[in-house]
């Protein structure tokens, strides 16, 4: 049987849970995090401009720079707060999960190509993946604000 602790300040945890549920269930309607998006190509077809192959972190003298994501060869995203990487799902930040899942890949056995750009093309929303990434940054930052605002558990027996 799962053990559910009885927190001294139950209502703080209840309110935080409600906020988290609203944030995570309504992620498609929240504001995009105000990252900076630099575009090298001005004349490129917008559908092709936002296609993703494989996102990568930026580089600095120390290695990876997680405040920067190279979205594709045309677009660089900057201004991602490091706190966003504190929100972890199954051992990986939500941002890294999106970066890993939203890339073109091919199954070695069947040869089937998984192209996340297909959905954006079908729904005529070329910026879908970019906007999803911005919303995931918002969800991650806001989640950590809520979690860090919780009082100590102070279980009662």
N, C-alpha and C. Protein backbone atom coordinates (compact mmCIF):
# COMPACT_ATOMS: atom_id res chain seq x y z
N UNK A 1 0.84 -1.18 0.00
CA UNK A 1 0.00 0.00 0.00
C UNK A 1 0.88 1.25 0.00
N UNK A 2 0.51 2.23 -0.78
CA UNK A 2 1.28 3.48 -0.75
C UNK A 2 1.09 4.19 0.59
N UNK A 3 2.13 4.87 0.99
CA UNK A 3 2.08 5.61 2.25
C UNK A 3 1.91 7.08 1.92
N UNK A 4 0.82 7.67 2.31
CA UNK A 4 0.56 9.08 2.07
C UNK A 4 0.80 9.83 3.37
N UNK A 5 1.81 10.71 3.39
CA UNK A 5 2.10 11.42 4.64
C UNK A 5 1.00 12.42 4.98
N UNK A 6 0.84 12.66 6.25
CA UNK A 6 -0.12 13.65 6.73
C UNK A 6 0.69 14.89 7.09
N UNK A 7 0.70 15.85 6.18
CA UNK A 7 1.50 17.06 6.36
C UNK A 7 0.87 17.98 7.38
N UNK A 8 1.71 18.64 8.12
CA UNK A 8 1.23 19.60 9.12
C UNK A 8 0.42 20.70 8.44
N UNK A 9 0.92 21.24 7.32
CA UNK A 9 0.21 22.28 6.58
C UNK A 9 -0.39 21.66 5.32
N UNK A 10 -1.42 20.85 5.51
CA UNK A 10 -2.05 20.14 4.40
C UNK A 10 -2.50 21.09 3.30
N UNK A 11 -3.10 22.21 3.65
CA UNK A 11 -3.68 23.10 2.65
C UNK A 11 -2.63 23.74 1.75
N UNK A 12 -1.43 23.96 2.23
CA UNK A 12 -0.36 24.49 1.37
C UNK A 12 -0.05 23.47 0.27
N UNK A 13 -0.01 22.19 0.65
CA UNK A 13 0.27 21.15 -0.34
C UNK A 13 -0.92 20.96 -1.27
N UNK A 14 -2.12 21.09 -0.75
CA UNK A 14 -3.32 20.97 -1.57
C UNK A 14 -3.37 22.08 -2.62
N UNK A 15 -3.11 23.31 -2.21
CA UNK A 15 -3.12 24.44 -3.14
C UNK A 15 -2.01 24.32 -4.17
N UNK A 16 -0.84 23.89 -3.74
CA UNK A 16 0.27 23.70 -4.67
C UNK A 16 -0.08 22.61 -5.70
N UNK A 17 -0.71 21.54 -5.23
CA UNK A 17 -1.11 20.46 -6.13
C UNK A 17 -2.11 20.95 -7.17
N UNK A 18 -3.04 21.78 -6.75
CA UNK A 18 -4.03 22.34 -7.68
C UNK A 18 -3.34 23.22 -8.73
N UNK A 19 -2.40 24.08 -8.27
CA UNK A 19 -1.66 24.94 -9.21
C UNK A 19 -0.86 24.11 -10.20
N UNK A 20 -0.21 23.06 -9.69
CA UNK A 20 0.58 22.20 -10.57
C UNK A 20 -0.31 21.50 -11.59
N UNK A 21 -1.47 21.02 -11.14
CA UNK A 21 -2.39 20.35 -12.07
C UNK A 21 -2.85 21.31 -13.16
N UNK A 22 -3.23 22.52 -12.78
CA UNK A 22 -3.67 23.52 -13.77
C UNK A 22 -2.55 23.83 -14.76
N UNK A 23 -1.34 23.99 -14.24
CA UNK A 23 -0.19 24.32 -15.07
C UNK A 23 0.12 23.20 -16.06
N UNK A 24 0.16 21.97 -15.57
CA UNK A 24 0.56 20.84 -16.41
C UNK A 24 -0.55 20.40 -17.36
N UNK A 25 -1.79 20.45 -16.91
CA UNK A 25 -2.90 20.04 -17.79
C UNK A 25 -3.19 21.11 -18.84
N UNK A 26 -2.93 22.37 -18.51
CA UNK A 26 -3.22 23.45 -19.44
C UNK A 26 -1.99 23.99 -20.15
N UNK A 27 -0.95 23.17 -20.25
CA UNK A 27 0.32 23.65 -20.81
C UNK A 27 0.18 24.20 -22.23
N UNK A 28 -0.78 23.70 -23.00
CA UNK A 28 -0.92 24.16 -24.39
C UNK A 28 -1.44 25.59 -24.48
N UNK A 29 -1.98 26.10 -23.38
CA UNK A 29 -2.57 27.45 -23.40
C UNK A 29 -1.79 28.46 -22.58
N UNK A 30 -0.63 28.09 -22.06
CA UNK A 30 0.13 29.04 -21.25
C UNK A 30 1.04 29.88 -22.13
N UNK A 31 1.51 30.97 -21.55
CA UNK A 31 2.39 31.88 -22.28
C UNK A 31 3.74 31.20 -22.54
N UNK A 32 4.30 31.53 -23.67
CA UNK A 32 5.65 31.05 -24.00
C UNK A 32 6.64 31.77 -23.10
N UNK A 33 7.66 31.06 -22.67
CA UNK A 33 8.71 31.71 -21.89
C UNK A 33 9.42 32.71 -22.82
N UNK A 34 9.75 33.89 -22.31
CA UNK A 34 10.33 34.92 -23.18
C UNK A 34 11.81 34.69 -23.52
N UNK A 35 12.09 33.60 -24.19
CA UNK A 35 13.45 33.34 -24.67
C UNK A 35 13.66 34.19 -25.92
N UNK A 36 14.91 34.34 -26.30
CA UNK A 36 15.23 35.06 -27.54
C UNK A 36 15.44 34.02 -28.64
N UNK A 37 14.83 34.27 -29.78
CA UNK A 37 14.97 33.38 -30.92
C UNK A 37 15.67 34.14 -32.03
N UNK A 38 16.89 33.72 -32.35
CA UNK A 38 17.66 34.35 -33.41
C UNK A 38 17.55 33.51 -34.68
N UNK A 39 17.24 34.16 -35.76
CA UNK A 39 17.03 33.49 -37.03
C UNK A 39 18.07 34.00 -38.03
N UNK A 40 18.87 33.10 -38.57
CA UNK A 40 19.92 33.47 -39.53
C UNK A 40 19.37 33.66 -40.94
N UNK A 41 18.27 33.02 -41.26
CA UNK A 41 17.75 33.03 -42.63
C UNK A 41 16.48 33.86 -42.69
N UNK A 42 16.49 34.92 -43.47
CA UNK A 42 15.31 35.76 -43.59
C UNK A 42 14.39 35.32 -44.73
N UNK A 43 14.96 34.83 -45.82
CA UNK A 43 14.16 34.53 -47.01
C UNK A 43 13.71 33.07 -47.07
N UNK A 44 14.02 32.28 -46.07
CA UNK A 44 13.68 30.86 -46.09
C UNK A 44 12.18 30.66 -45.91
N UNK A 45 11.61 29.71 -46.62
CA UNK A 45 10.21 29.34 -46.49
C UNK A 45 9.92 29.04 -45.01
N UNK A 46 8.87 29.63 -44.44
CA UNK A 46 8.61 29.50 -43.00
C UNK A 46 8.39 28.05 -42.58
N UNK A 47 7.79 27.25 -43.45
CA UNK A 47 7.59 25.84 -43.09
C UNK A 47 8.94 25.15 -42.90
N UNK A 48 9.89 25.43 -43.78
CA UNK A 48 11.22 24.82 -43.67
C UNK A 48 12.05 25.46 -42.57
N UNK A 49 11.84 26.74 -42.34
CA UNK A 49 12.61 27.47 -41.33
C UNK A 49 12.49 26.83 -39.95
N UNK A 50 11.31 26.33 -39.61
CA UNK A 50 11.05 25.80 -38.27
C UNK A 50 11.18 24.28 -38.17
N UNK A 51 11.57 23.63 -39.24
CA UNK A 51 11.75 22.18 -39.17
C UNK A 51 12.95 21.85 -38.30
N UNK A 52 12.81 20.79 -37.54
CA UNK A 52 13.88 20.38 -36.64
C UNK A 52 14.44 19.04 -37.09
N UNK A 53 15.73 18.89 -37.00
CA UNK A 53 16.37 17.60 -37.23
C UNK A 53 16.79 17.01 -35.89
N UNK A 54 17.66 17.74 -35.18
CA UNK A 54 18.08 17.35 -33.84
C UNK A 54 18.56 18.61 -33.12
N UNK A 55 17.90 18.92 -32.01
CA UNK A 55 18.29 20.09 -31.22
C UNK A 55 19.53 19.75 -30.39
N UNK A 56 20.37 20.77 -30.20
CA UNK A 56 21.59 20.60 -29.41
C UNK A 56 21.77 21.81 -28.50
N UNK A 57 22.49 21.59 -27.40
CA UNK A 57 22.83 22.71 -26.53
C UNK A 57 23.94 23.53 -27.17
N UNK A 58 24.00 24.81 -26.77
CA UNK A 58 25.08 25.67 -27.21
C UNK A 58 26.39 25.22 -26.57
N UNK A 59 27.46 25.83 -27.01
CA UNK A 59 28.79 25.49 -26.50
C UNK A 59 29.41 26.74 -25.87
N UNK A 60 30.20 26.50 -24.83
CA UNK A 60 31.03 27.55 -24.24
C UNK A 60 32.35 26.92 -23.84
N UNK A 61 33.21 27.69 -23.22
CA UNK A 61 34.55 27.20 -22.87
C UNK A 61 34.49 25.96 -21.97
N UNK A 62 33.45 25.86 -21.14
CA UNK A 62 33.34 24.74 -20.22
C UNK A 62 32.59 23.54 -20.79
N UNK A 63 32.17 23.61 -22.04
CA UNK A 63 31.42 22.50 -22.64
C UNK A 63 30.04 22.96 -23.09
N UNK A 64 28.99 22.28 -22.60
CA UNK A 64 27.62 22.63 -22.97
C UNK A 64 27.17 23.91 -22.28
N UNK A 65 26.39 24.69 -23.01
CA UNK A 65 25.76 25.89 -22.45
C UNK A 65 24.26 25.67 -22.53
N UNK A 66 23.65 25.31 -21.42
CA UNK A 66 22.23 24.96 -21.42
C UNK A 66 21.31 26.18 -21.46
N UNK A 67 21.89 27.38 -21.46
CA UNK A 67 21.05 28.57 -21.64
C UNK A 67 20.79 28.82 -23.12
N UNK A 68 21.44 28.01 -23.96
CA UNK A 68 21.32 28.15 -25.42
C UNK A 68 20.96 26.79 -26.03
N UNK A 69 19.98 26.80 -26.94
CA UNK A 69 19.65 25.59 -27.70
C UNK A 69 19.75 25.94 -29.18
N UNK A 70 20.54 25.15 -29.89
CA UNK A 70 20.59 25.27 -31.34
C UNK A 70 19.42 24.45 -31.85
N UNK A 71 18.33 25.14 -32.20
CA UNK A 71 17.09 24.49 -32.61
C UNK A 71 17.27 23.75 -33.94
N UNK A 72 17.86 24.42 -34.89
CA UNK A 72 18.23 23.83 -36.17
C UNK A 72 19.35 24.69 -36.74
N UNK A 73 19.73 24.50 -37.99
CA UNK A 73 20.85 25.26 -38.54
C UNK A 73 20.52 26.73 -38.77
N UNK A 74 19.24 27.09 -38.65
CA UNK A 74 18.82 28.47 -38.88
C UNK A 74 18.46 29.22 -37.59
N UNK A 75 18.03 28.50 -36.57
CA UNK A 75 17.46 29.13 -35.37
C UNK A 75 18.25 28.75 -34.13
N UNK A 76 18.56 29.78 -33.33
CA UNK A 76 19.20 29.60 -32.03
C UNK A 76 18.31 30.22 -30.98
N UNK A 77 18.07 29.49 -29.91
CA UNK A 77 17.25 29.97 -28.79
C UNK A 77 18.19 30.29 -27.65
N UNK A 78 18.08 31.49 -27.09
CA UNK A 78 18.92 31.89 -25.96
C UNK A 78 18.05 32.41 -24.82
N UNK A 79 18.66 32.50 -23.65
CA UNK A 79 17.94 33.04 -22.49
C UNK A 79 17.14 32.01 -21.73
N UNK A 80 17.49 30.75 -21.86
CA UNK A 80 16.80 29.69 -21.12
C UNK A 80 17.38 29.68 -19.71
N UNK A 81 16.53 29.88 -18.69
CA UNK A 81 17.06 29.91 -17.31
C UNK A 81 17.48 28.52 -16.85
N UNK A 82 18.60 28.45 -16.17
CA UNK A 82 19.11 27.15 -15.70
C UNK A 82 18.15 26.49 -14.71
N UNK A 83 17.34 27.30 -14.00
CA UNK A 83 16.36 26.73 -13.05
C UNK A 83 15.37 25.81 -13.76
N UNK A 84 15.14 26.05 -15.04
CA UNK A 84 14.19 25.23 -15.80
C UNK A 84 14.65 23.77 -15.86
N UNK A 85 15.94 23.54 -15.76
CA UNK A 85 16.47 22.18 -15.84
C UNK A 85 16.34 21.43 -14.51
N UNK A 86 15.89 22.12 -13.47
CA UNK A 86 15.69 21.46 -12.17
C UNK A 86 14.42 20.62 -12.17
N UNK A 87 13.48 20.91 -13.08
CA UNK A 87 12.27 20.11 -13.17
C UNK A 87 12.61 18.85 -13.97
N UNK A 88 12.62 17.72 -13.30
CA UNK A 88 13.09 16.47 -13.88
C UNK A 88 11.94 15.46 -13.98
N UNK A 89 11.85 14.81 -15.13
CA UNK A 89 10.87 13.76 -15.38
C UNK A 89 11.65 12.49 -15.75
N UNK A 90 11.50 11.45 -14.97
CA UNK A 90 12.20 10.18 -15.23
C UNK A 90 13.70 10.36 -15.43
N UNK A 91 14.32 11.13 -14.55
CA UNK A 91 15.77 11.29 -14.57
C UNK A 91 16.31 12.27 -15.58
N UNK A 92 15.44 13.00 -16.28
CA UNK A 92 15.87 13.94 -17.31
C UNK A 92 15.00 15.19 -17.22
N UNK A 93 15.60 16.36 -17.45
CA UNK A 93 14.79 17.57 -17.41
C UNK A 93 13.74 17.51 -18.53
N UNK A 94 12.64 18.20 -18.31
CA UNK A 94 11.57 18.20 -19.31
C UNK A 94 12.06 18.79 -20.63
N UNK A 95 12.94 19.78 -20.55
CA UNK A 95 13.49 20.38 -21.77
C UNK A 95 14.32 19.35 -22.53
N UNK A 96 15.16 18.63 -21.83
CA UNK A 96 15.98 17.60 -22.48
C UNK A 96 15.11 16.48 -23.05
N UNK A 97 14.02 16.19 -22.38
CA UNK A 97 13.09 15.17 -22.88
C UNK A 97 12.52 15.61 -24.23
N UNK A 98 12.10 16.88 -24.33
CA UNK A 98 11.56 17.39 -25.59
C UNK A 98 12.65 17.37 -26.67
N UNK A 99 13.86 17.80 -26.30
CA UNK A 99 14.95 17.80 -27.27
C UNK A 99 15.23 16.40 -27.81
N UNK A 100 15.14 15.41 -26.93
CA UNK A 100 15.41 14.03 -27.34
C UNK A 100 14.28 13.46 -28.19
N UNK A 101 13.05 13.71 -27.81
CA UNK A 101 11.90 13.12 -28.49
C UNK A 101 11.57 13.80 -29.81
N UNK A 102 11.81 15.11 -29.90
CA UNK A 102 11.45 15.85 -31.10
C UNK A 102 12.66 16.00 -32.01
N UNK A 103 13.08 14.86 -32.57
CA UNK A 103 14.15 14.84 -33.55
C UNK A 103 13.80 13.78 -34.59
N UNK A 104 14.29 13.97 -35.78
CA UNK A 104 14.05 13.00 -36.83
C UNK A 104 14.91 11.77 -36.54
N UNK A 105 14.28 10.60 -36.59
CA UNK A 105 15.01 9.36 -36.34
C UNK A 105 14.46 8.26 -37.25
N UNK A 106 15.28 7.23 -37.42
CA UNK A 106 14.87 6.11 -38.25
C UNK A 106 15.13 4.81 -37.49
N UNK A 107 14.12 3.95 -37.46
CA UNK A 107 14.27 2.66 -36.82
C UNK A 107 15.21 1.81 -37.67
N UNK A 108 16.28 1.28 -37.06
CA UNK A 108 17.25 0.52 -37.85
C UNK A 108 16.70 -0.79 -38.43
N UNK A 109 15.74 -1.39 -37.75
CA UNK A 109 15.21 -2.67 -38.23
C UNK A 109 14.18 -2.51 -39.34
N UNK A 110 13.22 -1.61 -39.11
CA UNK A 110 12.13 -1.47 -40.08
C UNK A 110 12.40 -0.40 -41.13
N UNK A 111 13.30 0.54 -40.80
CA UNK A 111 13.55 1.64 -41.73
C UNK A 111 12.51 2.74 -41.65
N UNK A 112 11.56 2.61 -40.73
CA UNK A 112 10.51 3.61 -40.58
C UNK A 112 11.12 4.90 -40.00
N UNK A 113 10.79 6.02 -40.63
CA UNK A 113 11.29 7.32 -40.21
C UNK A 113 10.25 7.99 -39.31
N UNK A 114 10.70 8.44 -38.15
CA UNK A 114 9.86 9.20 -37.24
C UNK A 114 10.26 10.66 -37.41
N UNK A 115 9.37 11.45 -38.00
CA UNK A 115 9.65 12.85 -38.25
C UNK A 115 8.65 13.71 -37.48
N UNK A 116 9.08 14.38 -36.40
CA UNK A 116 8.16 15.18 -35.61
C UNK A 116 7.61 16.38 -36.38
N UNK A 117 8.24 16.73 -37.48
CA UNK A 117 7.76 17.85 -38.30
C UNK A 117 6.47 17.50 -39.04
N UNK A 118 6.18 16.22 -39.19
CA UNK A 118 4.97 15.80 -39.90
C UNK A 118 3.72 16.39 -39.26
N UNK A 119 3.64 16.34 -37.94
CA UNK A 119 2.45 16.86 -37.26
C UNK A 119 2.29 18.35 -37.54
N UNK A 120 3.40 19.10 -37.47
CA UNK A 120 3.36 20.54 -37.73
C UNK A 120 2.90 20.81 -39.16
N UNK A 121 3.37 20.00 -40.10
CA UNK A 121 2.96 20.17 -41.50
C UNK A 121 1.48 19.89 -41.67
N UNK A 122 1.01 18.77 -41.10
CA UNK A 122 -0.39 18.38 -41.24
C UNK A 122 -1.34 19.41 -40.64
N UNK A 123 -0.92 20.06 -39.57
CA UNK A 123 -1.78 21.03 -38.89
C UNK A 123 -1.45 22.47 -39.26
N UNK A 124 -0.61 22.63 -40.28
CA UNK A 124 -0.23 23.94 -40.78
C UNK A 124 0.21 24.88 -39.65
N UNK A 125 1.05 24.34 -38.79
CA UNK A 125 1.59 25.11 -37.66
C UNK A 125 3.11 24.89 -37.63
N UNK A 126 3.83 25.56 -38.52
CA UNK A 126 5.26 25.29 -38.63
C UNK A 126 6.05 25.56 -37.35
N UNK A 127 5.55 26.43 -36.48
CA UNK A 127 6.26 26.77 -35.25
C UNK A 127 5.86 25.90 -34.07
N UNK A 128 5.09 24.83 -34.31
CA UNK A 128 4.58 24.01 -33.21
C UNK A 128 5.68 23.53 -32.27
N UNK A 129 6.74 22.95 -32.78
CA UNK A 129 7.78 22.37 -31.93
C UNK A 129 8.52 23.48 -31.18
N UNK A 130 8.82 24.58 -31.85
CA UNK A 130 9.47 25.71 -31.20
C UNK A 130 8.60 26.26 -30.07
N UNK A 131 7.32 26.43 -30.33
CA UNK A 131 6.41 26.95 -29.31
C UNK A 131 6.23 25.96 -28.16
N UNK A 132 6.22 24.66 -28.48
CA UNK A 132 6.15 23.64 -27.44
C UNK A 132 7.35 23.77 -26.51
N UNK A 133 8.52 23.92 -27.08
CA UNK A 133 9.74 24.06 -26.27
C UNK A 133 9.65 25.29 -25.37
N UNK A 134 9.14 26.41 -25.88
CA UNK A 134 8.99 27.61 -25.07
C UNK A 134 7.99 27.39 -23.93
N UNK A 135 6.91 26.67 -24.21
CA UNK A 135 5.92 26.38 -23.16
C UNK A 135 6.49 25.43 -22.12
N UNK A 136 7.31 24.47 -22.53
CA UNK A 136 7.93 23.54 -21.59
C UNK A 136 8.89 24.30 -20.67
N UNK A 137 9.57 25.31 -21.18
CA UNK A 137 10.42 26.13 -20.33
C UNK A 137 9.55 26.84 -19.29
N UNK A 138 8.43 27.40 -19.70
CA UNK A 138 7.52 28.06 -18.76
C UNK A 138 7.03 27.08 -17.71
N UNK A 139 6.56 25.91 -18.13
CA UNK A 139 6.07 24.89 -17.19
C UNK A 139 7.16 24.50 -16.21
N UNK A 140 8.37 24.33 -16.69
CA UNK A 140 9.48 23.92 -15.83
C UNK A 140 9.81 24.98 -14.79
N UNK A 141 9.90 26.23 -15.22
CA UNK A 141 10.23 27.33 -14.30
C UNK A 141 9.12 27.50 -13.27
N UNK A 142 7.88 27.51 -13.72
CA UNK A 142 6.75 27.71 -12.79
C UNK A 142 6.59 26.53 -11.84
N UNK A 143 6.84 25.32 -12.33
CA UNK A 143 6.77 24.14 -11.47
C UNK A 143 7.77 24.26 -10.33
N UNK A 144 8.99 24.65 -10.65
CA UNK A 144 10.02 24.77 -9.61
C UNK A 144 9.70 25.89 -8.63
N UNK A 145 9.08 26.97 -9.10
CA UNK A 145 8.66 28.04 -8.18
C UNK A 145 7.65 27.50 -7.17
N UNK A 146 6.69 26.73 -7.66
CA UNK A 146 5.66 26.17 -6.78
C UNK A 146 6.28 25.18 -5.79
N UNK A 147 7.11 24.29 -6.29
CA UNK A 147 7.72 23.26 -5.43
C UNK A 147 8.61 23.90 -4.37
N UNK A 148 9.40 24.89 -4.77
CA UNK A 148 10.30 25.55 -3.81
C UNK A 148 9.55 26.40 -2.79
N UNK A 149 8.31 26.77 -3.09
CA UNK A 149 7.53 27.57 -2.15
C UNK A 149 6.83 26.73 -1.09
N UNK A 150 6.87 25.40 -1.23
CA UNK A 150 6.19 24.52 -0.27
C UNK A 150 6.87 24.61 1.10
N UNK A 151 6.07 24.55 2.14
CA UNK A 151 6.66 24.53 3.49
C UNK A 151 7.27 23.16 3.77
N UNK A 152 8.05 23.03 4.83
CA UNK A 152 8.58 21.70 5.19
C UNK A 152 7.40 20.74 5.41
N UNK A 153 7.63 19.48 5.12
CA UNK A 153 6.55 18.48 5.22
C UNK A 153 6.05 18.35 6.65
N UNK A 154 6.93 18.29 7.61
CA UNK A 154 6.55 18.16 9.03
C UNK A 154 5.40 17.17 9.21
N UNK A 155 5.69 15.93 8.91
CA UNK A 155 4.66 14.90 9.01
C UNK A 155 4.13 14.77 10.43
N UNK A 156 2.83 14.55 10.52
CA UNK A 156 2.21 14.25 11.81
C UNK A 156 1.90 12.76 11.84
N UNK A 157 2.02 12.18 12.98
CA UNK A 157 1.74 10.75 13.09
C UNK A 157 0.39 10.50 13.68
